[in-house]
Protein backbone atom coordinates (compact mmCIF):
# COMPACT_ATOMS: atom_id res chain seq x y z
CA MET A 1 105.47 95.79 128.75
CA ASN A 2 102.78 97.70 130.67
CA SER A 3 103.92 100.96 129.06
CA ALA A 4 103.60 99.42 125.59
CA ILE A 5 100.11 98.10 126.37
CA GLY A 6 99.05 101.48 127.72
CA CYS A 7 100.44 103.21 124.66
CA ARG A 8 98.57 100.88 122.32
CA GLY A 9 95.34 101.57 124.17
CA GLN A 10 95.85 105.32 124.06
CA ILE A 11 96.59 105.28 120.32
CA ARG A 12 93.48 103.27 119.59
CA ARG A 13 91.30 105.55 121.73
CA GLU A 14 92.65 108.66 120.02
CA ALA A 15 92.21 107.20 116.55
CA SER A 16 88.68 105.99 117.34
CA SER A 17 87.70 109.39 118.71
CA LEU A 18 88.96 111.15 115.58
CA LEU A 19 87.19 108.67 113.29
CA ASN A 20 83.93 108.99 115.24
CA ASP A 21 84.03 112.78 114.97
CA LEU A 22 84.96 112.62 111.28
CA THR A 23 81.89 110.53 110.48
CA THR A 24 79.54 113.04 112.13
CA LEU A 25 80.24 115.20 109.08
CA ARG A 26 77.94 114.81 106.08
CA VAL A 27 79.36 115.51 102.66
CA GLY A 28 77.32 118.04 100.76
CA ARG A 29 75.66 119.28 103.97
CA SER A 30 78.17 119.94 106.74
CA THR A 31 79.72 123.40 106.84
CA HIS A 32 83.14 124.91 107.25
CA ASP A 33 82.25 125.64 110.89
CA ASP A 34 81.43 121.95 111.42
CA ALA A 35 84.84 121.01 110.08
CA GLU A 36 86.56 123.63 112.22
CA ARG A 37 84.98 122.19 115.36
CA ILE A 38 86.63 118.86 114.61
CA VAL A 39 89.91 120.64 113.87
CA GLN A 40 89.80 122.35 117.25
CA ARG A 41 88.93 119.12 119.07
CA HIS A 42 91.83 117.22 117.47
CA GLN A 43 94.28 120.08 117.02
CA ARG A 44 97.26 118.10 118.30
CA PHE A 45 96.97 115.67 115.36
CA LEU A 46 96.44 118.28 112.66
CA ASP A 47 99.30 118.18 110.14
CA ARG A 48 97.73 120.01 107.22
CA ARG A 49 95.54 123.09 106.98
CA ASP A 50 95.92 124.73 103.60
CA CYS A 51 93.05 127.12 102.90
CA GLN A 52 93.37 128.86 99.54
CA LYS A 53 90.53 130.92 98.11
CA ASP A 54 87.40 128.76 98.50
CA ILE A 55 89.02 125.38 99.19
CA CYS A 56 90.29 124.19 102.58
CA PRO A 57 91.90 120.75 102.87
CA TYR A 58 92.68 119.47 106.36
CA GLY A 59 94.75 116.44 107.32
CA PHE A 60 95.28 114.60 110.62
CA SER A 61 97.82 111.90 111.51
CA ILE A 62 98.12 109.57 114.49
CA THR A 63 101.09 107.19 114.59
CA ASN A 64 102.59 104.57 116.86
CA HIS A 65 106.00 106.21 116.55
CA TRP A 66 107.05 105.43 120.12
CA LEU A 67 106.21 101.74 119.75
CA SER A 68 107.81 101.44 116.31
CA SER A 69 110.97 103.21 117.49
CA LEU A 70 111.29 100.52 120.19
CA HIS A 71 110.64 97.83 117.55
CA ALA A 72 107.63 96.73 119.57
CA GLU A 73 105.36 97.12 116.53
CA PRO A 74 105.78 97.87 112.82
CA GLU A 75 105.21 101.51 112.00
CA THR A 76 101.48 102.22 111.77
CA LYS A 77 99.66 105.40 110.83
CA PHE A 78 96.04 106.51 110.95
CA TRP A 79 95.28 109.42 108.64
CA ALA A 80 92.06 111.39 108.24
CA GLY A 81 91.19 114.21 105.87
CA ILE A 82 88.47 116.78 105.28
CA THR A 83 87.96 118.96 102.23
CA VAL A 84 85.79 122.08 102.42
CA ASP A 85 84.82 123.73 99.14
CA ASN A 86 82.90 127.02 99.10
CA GLY A 87 81.91 126.60 102.74
CA THR A 88 80.62 123.01 102.40
CA VAL A 89 82.31 119.72 103.25
CA THR A 90 82.70 117.90 99.92
CA ARG A 91 85.01 115.05 100.93
CA ILE A 92 86.05 113.14 104.02
CA ALA A 93 88.60 110.35 104.10
CA ALA A 94 90.29 107.96 106.51
CA SER A 95 93.01 105.37 106.11
CA LEU A 96 95.12 103.05 108.19
CA LEU A 97 98.56 101.97 106.97
CA ARG A 98 100.99 99.48 108.48
CA SER A 99 104.58 99.05 107.37
CA MET A 100 105.17 95.90 105.37
CA ASN A 101 108.61 96.16 103.84
CA ILE A 102 108.61 92.56 102.64
CA ASN A 103 106.37 93.59 99.74
CA PRO A 104 108.46 94.91 96.82
CA THR A 105 105.67 96.87 95.13
CA PHE A 106 103.79 98.38 98.06
CA ALA A 107 105.44 99.56 101.26
CA ALA A 108 102.42 99.06 103.51
CA SER A 109 99.28 97.07 103.93
CA ALA A 110 96.33 99.37 104.32
CA GLY A 111 92.64 100.10 104.36
CA GLY A 112 91.17 103.41 103.29
CA VAL A 113 87.86 105.05 102.55
CA GLU A 114 86.87 108.26 100.79
CA GLU A 115 83.39 109.76 100.79
CA PHE A 116 82.51 112.39 98.20
CA ALA A 117 79.57 114.71 97.71
CA GLU A 118 79.66 113.50 94.10
CA MET A 119 81.50 110.38 93.01
CA PRO A 120 84.55 111.17 90.82
CA GLN A 121 83.89 110.63 87.14
CA ARG A 122 86.36 107.74 86.94
CA LEU A 123 84.19 105.77 89.40
CA ALA A 124 80.71 107.17 88.74
CA MET A 125 79.63 104.32 86.45
CA GLU A 126 80.36 101.74 89.16
CA GLY A 127 77.79 102.96 91.68
CA HIS A 128 77.65 104.80 94.98
CA TYR A 129 79.72 102.30 97.03
CA VAL A 130 82.68 100.92 95.13
CA PHE A 131 86.04 99.21 95.63
CA PRO A 132 88.80 100.50 93.32
CA THR A 133 91.20 97.76 94.44
CA PRO A 134 92.90 95.12 92.24
CA ILE A 135 92.70 91.57 93.63
CA GLY A 136 95.97 90.54 95.24
CA LYS A 137 97.05 93.92 96.57
CA PRO A 138 97.74 94.18 100.33
CA TYR A 139 95.18 96.94 100.78
CA LEU A 140 91.50 97.70 100.37
CA GLN A 141 90.28 101.05 99.07
CA VAL A 142 86.62 102.04 99.39
CA ALA A 143 84.87 104.98 97.74
CA LEU A 144 81.32 106.13 98.34
CA ASP A 145 79.21 109.23 97.90
CA ARG A 146 76.27 110.86 99.65
CA TYR A 147 73.84 108.56 97.84
CA ALA A 148 75.25 105.42 99.48
CA THR A 149 72.96 103.74 102.00
CA ASP A 150 73.45 104.20 105.72
CA THR A 151 74.62 100.57 105.98
CA GLN A 152 77.14 101.04 103.18
CA ARG A 153 78.47 104.16 104.87
CA GLN A 154 78.71 102.36 108.21
CA HIS A 155 80.62 99.48 106.62
CA GLY A 156 82.88 101.80 104.63
CA PHE A 157 84.01 103.70 107.72
CA ALA A 158 84.23 100.69 110.04
CA LEU A 159 88.02 100.79 110.33
CA SER A 160 89.40 98.35 112.85
CA PHE A 161 92.30 99.61 114.91
CA GLN A 162 93.26 96.05 115.86
CA CYS A 163 96.00 96.30 113.22
CA PHE A 164 98.04 98.32 115.69
CA ILE A 165 98.63 94.99 117.44
CA LYS A 166 97.92 92.12 115.01
CA PRO A 167 99.34 90.70 111.75
CA ASP A 168 98.82 92.27 108.36
CA CYS A 169 95.93 91.36 106.12
CA GLY A 170 93.78 93.74 104.11
CA CYS A 171 90.64 92.41 105.76
CA ASP A 172 91.95 93.46 109.18
CA TYR A 173 91.53 97.14 108.34
CA LEU A 174 87.99 97.23 106.96
CA PRO A 175 86.44 93.86 107.87
CA LEU A 176 82.84 94.78 106.98
CA ALA A 177 83.74 96.48 103.71
CA TRP A 178 86.05 93.55 102.93
CA ARG A 179 83.08 91.16 102.91
CA ASP A 180 81.07 93.62 100.82
CA TRP A 181 83.95 93.73 98.34
CA GLU A 182 84.18 89.94 98.21
CA ALA A 183 80.44 89.70 97.53
CA ASN A 184 80.68 92.39 94.88
CA LEU A 185 83.47 90.54 93.12
CA GLN A 186 81.50 87.31 93.09
CA ASN A 187 78.43 89.13 91.75
CA THR A 188 80.53 90.43 88.87
CA GLY A 189 81.84 87.01 87.89
CA HIS A 190 85.08 86.66 89.85
CA SER A 191 85.91 83.27 91.32
CA LYS A 192 85.81 82.83 95.10
CA GLY A 193 88.66 80.35 94.71
CA ASP A 194 90.84 83.00 93.08
CA PHE A 195 89.96 85.42 95.88
CA ASP A 196 90.80 82.92 98.62
CA ARG A 197 94.10 82.03 96.95
CA ALA A 198 95.03 85.72 96.77
CA TYR A 199 94.13 86.26 100.45
CA PRO A 200 94.60 82.94 102.28
CA GLY A 201 94.06 84.49 105.71
CA ASN A 202 90.85 86.34 104.91
CA GLN A 203 88.50 83.81 106.55
CA ARG A 204 89.20 85.37 109.94
CA CYS A 205 87.51 88.57 108.81
CA LYS A 206 83.97 87.19 108.65
């Protein structure tokens, strides 16, 4: 039991450290050298480094493999990514996924955020802090760009690593962004009753 508790704590510390370093980058401003410093600091979790011509995508993964192999916890993965284009960081991303095999259409519950130097065209009309997530799915996806406010950025990257040890609900991954999403839905005419019926446990994420 003590080993499992210690392992949970270590995983959360490692994931928090990587996320904190990731968010020191600024899309459109940070450089390739800035990205490389994070790569060097978290080298043991680097699982992708694919520099071709002017584009360098990096990926990092932290899992609870030891705990999941003992069936102490469902399989959980924290992933982070950086894209450097022509020497400048143009995208950073982070996501947390937890195995949820009871769902026939989606193998995990999750929360994820992507920040772009420029919002992709498919989302550009929606604003600078948006939620491309259908109601009822067991995940929350957040997208923002460099024009988002500091508060929006803080909420978008406020991943909670409690899901390594608690039940699945989309609001557990991004609790601050979850409330922003709920407010956004209500402002665009969606019913709060429909939202609460789709996510009956979401009240704990206030």
